[in-house]
Amino acid sequence: MKADPISKTKDDYADIIGHISLPESPVGIDAQFTHAIIIAYLQQISGRLADIESQLKAIQSSGGVDQG
C-alpha cells in the first residue's frame, strides 16, 4: 500500500496544488494542502476499488461466485 497521504509534505503535492491554487481565496486554512491530501486519498481508494472490481470479475468469470 502507498504511503499515508497525511505523512507527505506540501512539496510532495506541488502538482495537485498547482491545479487547485486560488491565491485570492481567504479560507482561513491551508486549503491547498488539505485538498491535496483529500485528492491523494481518493486516488488511492479509486485504485484499490479498480483492483477489487478486476478480481471480482475474474472470480465471476471462472464460476467462483454466484451472480444471481
N, C-alpha and C. Protein backbone atom coordinates (compact mmCIF):
# COMPACT_ATOMS: atom_id res chain seq x y z
N MET A 1 0.85 -1.18 0.00
CA MET A 1 0.00 0.00 0.00
C MET A 1 0.89 1.24 0.00
N LYS A 2 0.43 2.29 -0.63
CA LYS A 2 1.20 3.52 -0.73
C LYS A 2 1.28 4.23 0.62
N ALA A 3 2.20 5.18 0.70
CA ALA A 3 2.38 5.96 1.92
C ALA A 3 1.11 6.71 2.28
N ASP A 4 0.90 6.89 3.55
CA ASP A 4 -0.24 7.64 4.05
C ASP A 4 -0.15 9.09 3.55
N PRO A 5 -1.15 9.59 2.83
CA PRO A 5 -1.08 10.95 2.27
C PRO A 5 -0.82 12.04 3.31
N ILE A 6 -1.26 11.86 4.53
CA ILE A 6 -1.07 12.89 5.54
C ILE A 6 0.40 12.99 5.96
N SER A 7 1.19 11.95 5.67
CA SER A 7 2.59 11.96 6.06
C SER A 7 3.50 12.64 5.03
N LYS A 8 2.95 13.01 3.89
CA LYS A 8 3.74 13.68 2.86
C LYS A 8 3.84 15.18 3.14
N THR A 9 4.79 15.83 2.50
CA THR A 9 4.96 17.27 2.66
C THR A 9 4.16 18.03 1.61
N LYS A 10 4.03 19.31 1.82
CA LYS A 10 3.32 20.15 0.86
C LYS A 10 4.03 20.11 -0.50
N ASP A 11 5.36 20.04 -0.50
CA ASP A 11 6.11 19.95 -1.74
C ASP A 11 5.78 18.69 -2.53
N ASP A 12 5.44 17.60 -1.82
CA ASP A 12 5.07 16.35 -2.49
C ASP A 12 3.79 16.52 -3.32
N TYR A 13 2.99 17.52 -2.96
CA TYR A 13 1.71 17.75 -3.62
C TYR A 13 1.75 18.94 -4.58
N ALA A 14 2.94 19.39 -4.96
CA ALA A 14 3.06 20.60 -5.77
C ALA A 14 2.22 20.55 -7.05
N ASP A 15 2.19 19.42 -7.73
CA ASP A 15 1.41 19.32 -8.97
C ASP A 15 -0.09 19.49 -8.70
N ILE A 16 -0.58 18.81 -7.69
CA ILE A 16 -2.01 18.92 -7.37
C ILE A 16 -2.33 20.34 -6.91
N ILE A 17 -1.48 20.90 -6.06
CA ILE A 17 -1.70 22.26 -5.57
C ILE A 17 -1.73 23.25 -6.72
N GLY A 18 -0.85 23.04 -7.71
CA GLY A 18 -0.85 23.91 -8.88
C GLY A 18 -2.18 23.90 -9.62
N HIS A 19 -2.86 22.76 -9.60
CA HIS A 19 -4.15 22.64 -10.28
C HIS A 19 -5.29 23.28 -9.49
N ILE A 20 -5.18 23.34 -8.19
CA ILE A 20 -6.29 23.85 -7.37
C ILE A 20 -5.99 25.20 -6.74
N SER A 21 -4.87 25.81 -7.11
CA SER A 21 -4.45 27.06 -6.49
C SER A 21 -5.39 28.22 -6.84
N LEU A 22 -5.72 29.01 -5.82
CA LEU A 22 -6.50 30.24 -5.98
C LEU A 22 -6.02 31.22 -4.91
N PRO A 23 -4.95 31.97 -5.22
CA PRO A 23 -4.29 32.81 -4.21
C PRO A 23 -5.21 33.82 -3.51
N GLU A 24 -6.23 34.30 -4.16
CA GLU A 24 -7.09 35.32 -3.55
C GLU A 24 -8.21 34.76 -2.66
N SER A 25 -8.21 33.46 -2.40
CA SER A 25 -9.25 32.84 -1.59
C SER A 25 -8.89 32.88 -0.10
N PRO A 26 -9.64 33.65 0.70
CA PRO A 26 -9.37 33.76 2.14
C PRO A 26 -10.16 32.73 2.96
N VAL A 27 -9.70 31.49 3.00
CA VAL A 27 -10.48 30.45 3.68
C VAL A 27 -10.07 30.20 5.12
N GLY A 28 -8.94 30.71 5.53
CA GLY A 28 -8.54 30.55 6.93
C GLY A 28 -7.79 29.28 7.26
N ILE A 29 -7.67 28.36 6.32
CA ILE A 29 -6.87 27.14 6.50
C ILE A 29 -5.99 26.98 5.26
N ASP A 30 -5.07 26.04 5.32
CA ASP A 30 -4.24 25.74 4.16
C ASP A 30 -5.06 24.84 3.23
N ALA A 31 -5.94 25.46 2.49
CA ALA A 31 -6.88 24.71 1.65
C ALA A 31 -6.17 23.91 0.58
N GLN A 32 -5.08 24.42 0.04
CA GLN A 32 -4.34 23.69 -1.00
C GLN A 32 -3.83 22.37 -0.45
N PHE A 33 -3.19 22.42 0.69
CA PHE A 33 -2.63 21.21 1.29
C PHE A 33 -3.74 20.24 1.67
N THR A 34 -4.81 20.77 2.24
CA THR A 34 -5.94 19.94 2.64
C THR A 34 -6.55 19.23 1.44
N HIS A 35 -6.79 19.96 0.37
CA HIS A 35 -7.38 19.36 -0.82
C HIS A 35 -6.43 18.36 -1.46
N ALA A 36 -5.15 18.63 -1.44
CA ALA A 36 -4.18 17.69 -2.00
C ALA A 36 -4.23 16.37 -1.25
N ILE A 37 -4.34 16.43 0.05
CA ILE A 37 -4.44 15.21 0.86
C ILE A 37 -5.72 14.44 0.51
N ILE A 38 -6.82 15.15 0.42
CA ILE A 38 -8.10 14.51 0.09
C ILE A 38 -8.04 13.85 -1.28
N ILE A 39 -7.49 14.56 -2.26
CA ILE A 39 -7.38 14.02 -3.61
C ILE A 39 -6.48 12.79 -3.62
N ALA A 40 -5.39 12.83 -2.88
CA ALA A 40 -4.50 11.67 -2.83
C ALA A 40 -5.21 10.46 -2.23
N TYR A 41 -5.97 10.67 -1.17
CA TYR A 41 -6.75 9.57 -0.59
C TYR A 41 -7.75 9.02 -1.61
N LEU A 42 -8.44 9.89 -2.31
CA LEU A 42 -9.42 9.45 -3.30
C LEU A 42 -8.75 8.67 -4.43
N GLN A 43 -7.55 9.09 -4.83
CA GLN A 43 -6.82 8.37 -5.87
C GLN A 43 -6.46 6.97 -5.37
N GLN A 44 -6.04 6.85 -4.13
CA GLN A 44 -5.73 5.54 -3.56
C GLN A 44 -6.97 4.66 -3.51
N ILE A 45 -8.07 5.22 -3.05
CA ILE A 45 -9.32 4.46 -2.95
C ILE A 45 -9.78 4.00 -4.33
N SER A 46 -9.70 4.89 -5.31
CA SER A 46 -10.10 4.56 -6.66
C SER A 46 -9.27 3.41 -7.23
N GLY A 47 -7.97 3.45 -7.01
CA GLY A 47 -7.10 2.39 -7.48
C GLY A 47 -7.40 1.07 -6.80
N ARG A 48 -7.62 1.11 -5.50
CA ARG A 48 -7.93 -0.12 -4.76
C ARG A 48 -9.28 -0.68 -5.21
N LEU A 49 -10.26 0.18 -5.45
CA LEU A 49 -11.56 -0.28 -5.92
C LEU A 49 -11.45 -0.92 -7.29
N ALA A 50 -10.67 -0.34 -8.17
CA ALA A 50 -10.48 -0.92 -9.50
C ALA A 50 -9.85 -2.30 -9.39
N ASP A 51 -8.89 -2.46 -8.49
CA ASP A 51 -8.27 -3.77 -8.28
C ASP A 51 -9.29 -4.79 -7.78
N ILE A 52 -10.11 -4.38 -6.83
CA ILE A 52 -11.13 -5.29 -6.28
C ILE A 52 -12.14 -5.67 -7.36
N GLU A 53 -12.56 -4.70 -8.16
CA GLU A 53 -13.52 -4.99 -9.23
C GLU A 53 -12.93 -5.97 -10.24
N SER A 54 -11.65 -5.80 -10.58
CA SER A 54 -10.99 -6.72 -11.51
C SER A 54 -10.94 -8.12 -10.94
N GLN A 55 -10.60 -8.22 -9.66
CA GLN A 55 -10.54 -9.53 -9.01
C GLN A 55 -11.92 -10.18 -8.98
N LEU A 56 -12.94 -9.40 -8.68
CA LEU A 56 -14.30 -9.94 -8.63
C LEU A 56 -14.74 -10.43 -10.01
N LYS A 57 -14.45 -9.66 -11.05
CA LYS A 57 -14.81 -10.08 -12.41
C LYS A 57 -14.11 -11.38 -12.77
N ALA A 58 -12.84 -11.51 -12.37
CA ALA A 58 -12.09 -12.74 -12.66
C ALA A 58 -12.72 -13.93 -11.95
N ILE A 59 -13.12 -13.73 -10.70
CA ILE A 59 -13.76 -14.81 -9.93
C ILE A 59 -15.10 -15.18 -10.56
N GLN A 60 -15.87 -14.15 -10.92
CA GLN A 60 -17.19 -14.40 -11.51
C GLN A 60 -17.08 -15.11 -12.85
N SER A 61 -16.11 -14.73 -13.64
CA SER A 61 -15.97 -15.37 -14.96
C SER A 61 -15.46 -16.80 -14.86
N SER A 62 -14.84 -17.13 -13.75
CA SER A 62 -14.37 -18.51 -13.57
C SER A 62 -15.42 -19.37 -12.88
N GLY A 63 -16.57 -18.78 -12.56
CA GLY A 63 -17.63 -19.54 -11.92
C GLY A 63 -17.49 -19.66 -10.43
N GLY A 64 -16.63 -18.86 -9.82
CA GLY A 64 -16.37 -18.96 -8.39
C GLY A 64 -17.38 -18.27 -7.51
N VAL A 65 -18.22 -17.40 -8.05
CA VAL A 65 -19.20 -16.66 -7.26
C VAL A 65 -20.55 -16.73 -7.94
N ASP A 66 -21.59 -16.96 -7.16
CA ASP A 66 -22.95 -16.96 -7.67
C ASP A 66 -23.33 -15.55 -8.07
N GLN A 67 -23.69 -15.32 -9.31
CA GLN A 67 -24.00 -13.98 -9.80
C GLN A 67 -25.49 -13.67 -9.75
N GLY A 68 -26.29 -14.51 -9.22
CA GLY A 68 -27.71 -14.28 -9.27
C GLY A 68 -28.28 -14.12 -7.96
